[in-house]
Amino acid sequence: MVLSNPIIPNLYTAIYVQNPEHVYYFYVMKYDKSVTGLSREHFVEAVNAEGYYLRSGYLRPIYLEPIFQQKICFGKNGYPFVLNSRNDEIKYQKGLCPVAERLNDEEVILTNIIYPPLTTDDMDGFVRAIKKVILYAKEIQTYLSK
């Protein structure tokens, strides 16, 4: 479940129960470009220029990987896909999971700002950098669109 962030209106973050026990690899957020007018890529580039790491997307859906597109895992004859009697009917094409594709291609951003030895001050700086990018979004869009 996600909620709009009251501090940063264009980012949606996960809701956690009280006293959670999580091990984070990345902190994932959903980006809404309609709030800032900046594409996700321009937003990420601008925050990175402020010295904080953001990344657009994560991994494309697995069915778009060559192993599924070519239906060959081992050898040259399509093994193990050819073992399925419906192999010719099964298509691993773009559009198979449109929500997963949209999230990865347009909305998901992630950061590693949660790794030790980062401090609360580092995280506050991250928030300040994002607010600065939002404040100067029009100027950034003009500059990066050249």
Protein backbone atom coordinates (compact mmCIF):
# COMPACT_ATOMS: atom_id res chain seq x y z
CA MET A 1 0.00 0.00 0.00
CA VAL A 2 1.27 3.50 -0.80
CA LEU A 3 0.33 6.96 0.37
CA SER A 4 1.09 10.42 -0.92
CA ASN A 5 3.98 11.87 1.02
CA PRO A 6 2.87 15.07 2.83
CA ILE A 7 6.43 16.46 2.72
CA ILE A 8 7.19 15.64 -0.90
CA PRO A 9 3.96 15.59 -2.92
CA ASN A 10 5.29 13.90 -6.09
CA LEU A 11 6.61 10.79 -4.29
CA TYR A 12 4.53 7.95 -2.95
CA THR A 13 6.09 5.79 -0.28
CA ALA A 14 5.17 2.54 1.42
CA ILE A 15 3.13 2.49 4.60
CA TYR A 16 4.57 0.40 7.41
CA VAL A 17 3.04 -0.99 10.55
CA GLN A 18 4.35 0.04 13.94
CA ASN A 19 7.67 -1.53 14.95
CA PRO A 20 8.49 -3.03 11.56
CA GLU A 21 11.45 -5.33 11.08
CA HIS A 22 12.72 -4.76 7.56
CA VAL A 23 16.01 -5.23 5.80
CA TYR A 24 16.19 -2.77 2.94
CA TYR A 25 18.23 -3.24 -0.19
CA PHE A 26 16.82 -0.12 -1.81
CA TYR A 27 14.15 2.31 -0.72
CA VAL A 28 11.57 2.25 -3.50
CA MET A 29 9.20 5.13 -4.28
CA LYS A 30 6.58 5.81 -6.92
CA TYR A 31 7.15 9.06 -8.83
CA ASP A 32 4.31 11.24 -10.17
CA LYS A 33 5.60 13.51 -12.94
CA SER A 34 2.30 15.40 -13.17
CA VAL A 35 3.10 17.16 -9.87
CA THR A 36 6.44 18.65 -10.98
CA GLY A 37 6.21 18.63 -14.76
CA LEU A 38 9.60 16.90 -14.84
CA SER A 39 10.04 13.54 -16.50
CA ARG A 40 11.20 10.85 -14.13
CA GLU A 41 14.60 10.81 -15.84
CA HIS A 42 15.06 14.59 -15.45
CA PHE A 43 13.97 14.42 -11.81
CA VAL A 44 16.47 11.64 -11.11
CA GLU A 45 19.25 13.47 -12.98
CA ALA A 46 18.61 16.68 -11.00
CA VAL A 47 18.59 14.92 -7.60
CA ASN A 48 21.79 13.08 -8.56
CA ALA A 49 23.36 16.45 -9.44
CA GLU A 50 22.60 17.52 -5.86
CA GLY A 51 24.80 14.65 -4.64
CA TYR A 52 22.14 12.08 -3.73
CA TYR A 53 21.67 8.79 -5.53
CA LEU A 54 18.38 8.03 -7.27
CA ARG A 55 17.75 5.50 -9.99
CA SER A 56 14.92 5.21 -12.53
CA GLY A 57 13.22 1.84 -12.51
CA TYR A 58 14.72 -1.38 -11.29
CA LEU A 59 14.67 -4.49 -13.46
CA ARG A 60 12.49 -5.01 -16.49
CA PRO A 61 9.89 -7.74 -16.16
CA ILE A 62 11.58 -11.13 -16.48
CA TYR A 63 9.47 -12.20 -19.47
CA LEU A 64 11.15 -9.43 -21.51
CA GLU A 65 14.58 -10.99 -20.96
CA PRO A 66 16.19 -12.81 -23.94
CA ILE A 67 15.70 -16.25 -22.40
CA PHE A 68 11.91 -15.79 -22.71
CA GLN A 69 11.93 -13.74 -25.91
CA GLN A 70 13.97 -16.39 -27.73
CA LYS A 71 12.49 -19.31 -25.76
CA ILE A 72 15.90 -20.90 -25.39
CA CYS A 73 17.48 -21.69 -22.05
CA PHE A 74 19.76 -24.66 -22.70
CA GLY A 75 21.22 -25.70 -26.02
CA LYS A 76 19.95 -24.43 -29.37
CA ASN A 77 16.62 -26.23 -29.65
CA GLY A 78 14.42 -24.25 -27.27
CA TYR A 79 14.79 -26.40 -24.18
CA PRO A 80 12.89 -26.37 -21.79
CA PHE A 81 10.20 -24.35 -23.58
CA VAL A 82 9.66 -26.99 -26.30
CA LEU A 83 8.54 -29.47 -23.63
CA ASN A 84 5.32 -27.51 -23.18
CA SER A 85 2.71 -28.69 -25.69
CA ARG A 86 1.37 -25.10 -25.84
CA ASN A 87 4.77 -23.55 -26.56
CA ASP A 88 3.65 -22.06 -29.90
CA GLU A 89 0.66 -20.36 -28.23
CA ILE A 90 2.61 -18.79 -25.38
CA LYS A 91 3.92 -15.31 -26.14
CA TYR A 92 6.19 -13.39 -23.80
CA GLN A 93 5.65 -9.99 -25.36
CA LYS A 94 5.61 -6.43 -24.15
CA GLY A 95 2.17 -5.65 -22.79
CA LEU A 96 1.76 -8.98 -21.01
CA CYS A 97 1.83 -7.22 -17.60
CA PRO A 98 1.10 -3.56 -18.38
CA VAL A 99 1.08 -2.35 -14.77
CA ALA A 100 4.48 -3.87 -14.00
CA GLU A 101 5.85 -2.40 -17.24
CA ARG A 102 4.40 1.07 -16.53
CA LEU A 103 5.79 1.09 -13.00
CA ASN A 104 9.26 0.13 -14.17
CA ASP A 105 9.30 2.30 -17.29
CA GLU A 106 7.67 5.45 -15.90
CA GLU A 107 7.05 5.56 -12.15
CA VAL A 108 9.45 3.61 -9.93
CA ILE A 109 12.49 5.36 -8.52
CA LEU A 110 14.75 4.02 -5.85
CA THR A 111 17.57 5.14 -3.62
CA ASN A 112 20.17 3.59 -1.37
CA ILE A 113 19.93 6.45 1.16
CA ILE A 114 19.04 3.88 3.84
CA TYR A 115 22.47 2.22 4.09
CA PRO A 116 24.64 2.67 7.18
CA PRO A 117 26.65 4.72 8.11
CA LEU A 118 24.25 7.34 6.77
CA THR A 119 22.66 9.49 9.42
CA THR A 120 19.36 11.28 9.90
CA ASP A 121 21.16 14.44 8.74
CA ASP A 122 22.03 12.68 5.46
CA MET A 123 18.39 11.73 5.00
CA ASP A 124 17.29 15.29 5.79
CA GLY A 125 19.74 16.48 3.13
CA PHE A 126 18.14 14.06 0.68
CA VAL A 127 14.71 15.56 1.41
CA ARG A 128 16.13 19.09 1.00
CA ALA A 129 17.64 18.13 -2.36
CA ILE A 130 14.31 16.76 -3.57
CA LYS A 131 12.46 19.89 -2.40
CA LYS A 132 15.03 22.04 -4.21
CA VAL A 133 14.53 20.09 -7.44
CA ILE A 134 10.76 20.50 -7.11
CA LEU A 135 11.14 24.23 -6.44
CA TYR A 136 13.25 24.72 -9.57
CA ALA A 137 11.46 22.14 -11.72
CA LYS A 138 10.59 24.56 -14.54
CA GLU A 139 14.16 25.81 -14.82
CA ILE A 140 15.52 22.27 -14.72
CA GLN A 141 13.10 21.13 -17.42
CA THR A 142 14.14 24.03 -19.65
CA TYR A 143 17.84 23.35 -19.11
CA LEU A 144 17.70 19.57 -19.54
CA SER A 145 15.42 19.74 -22.59
CA LYS A 146 18.02 21.61 -24.66
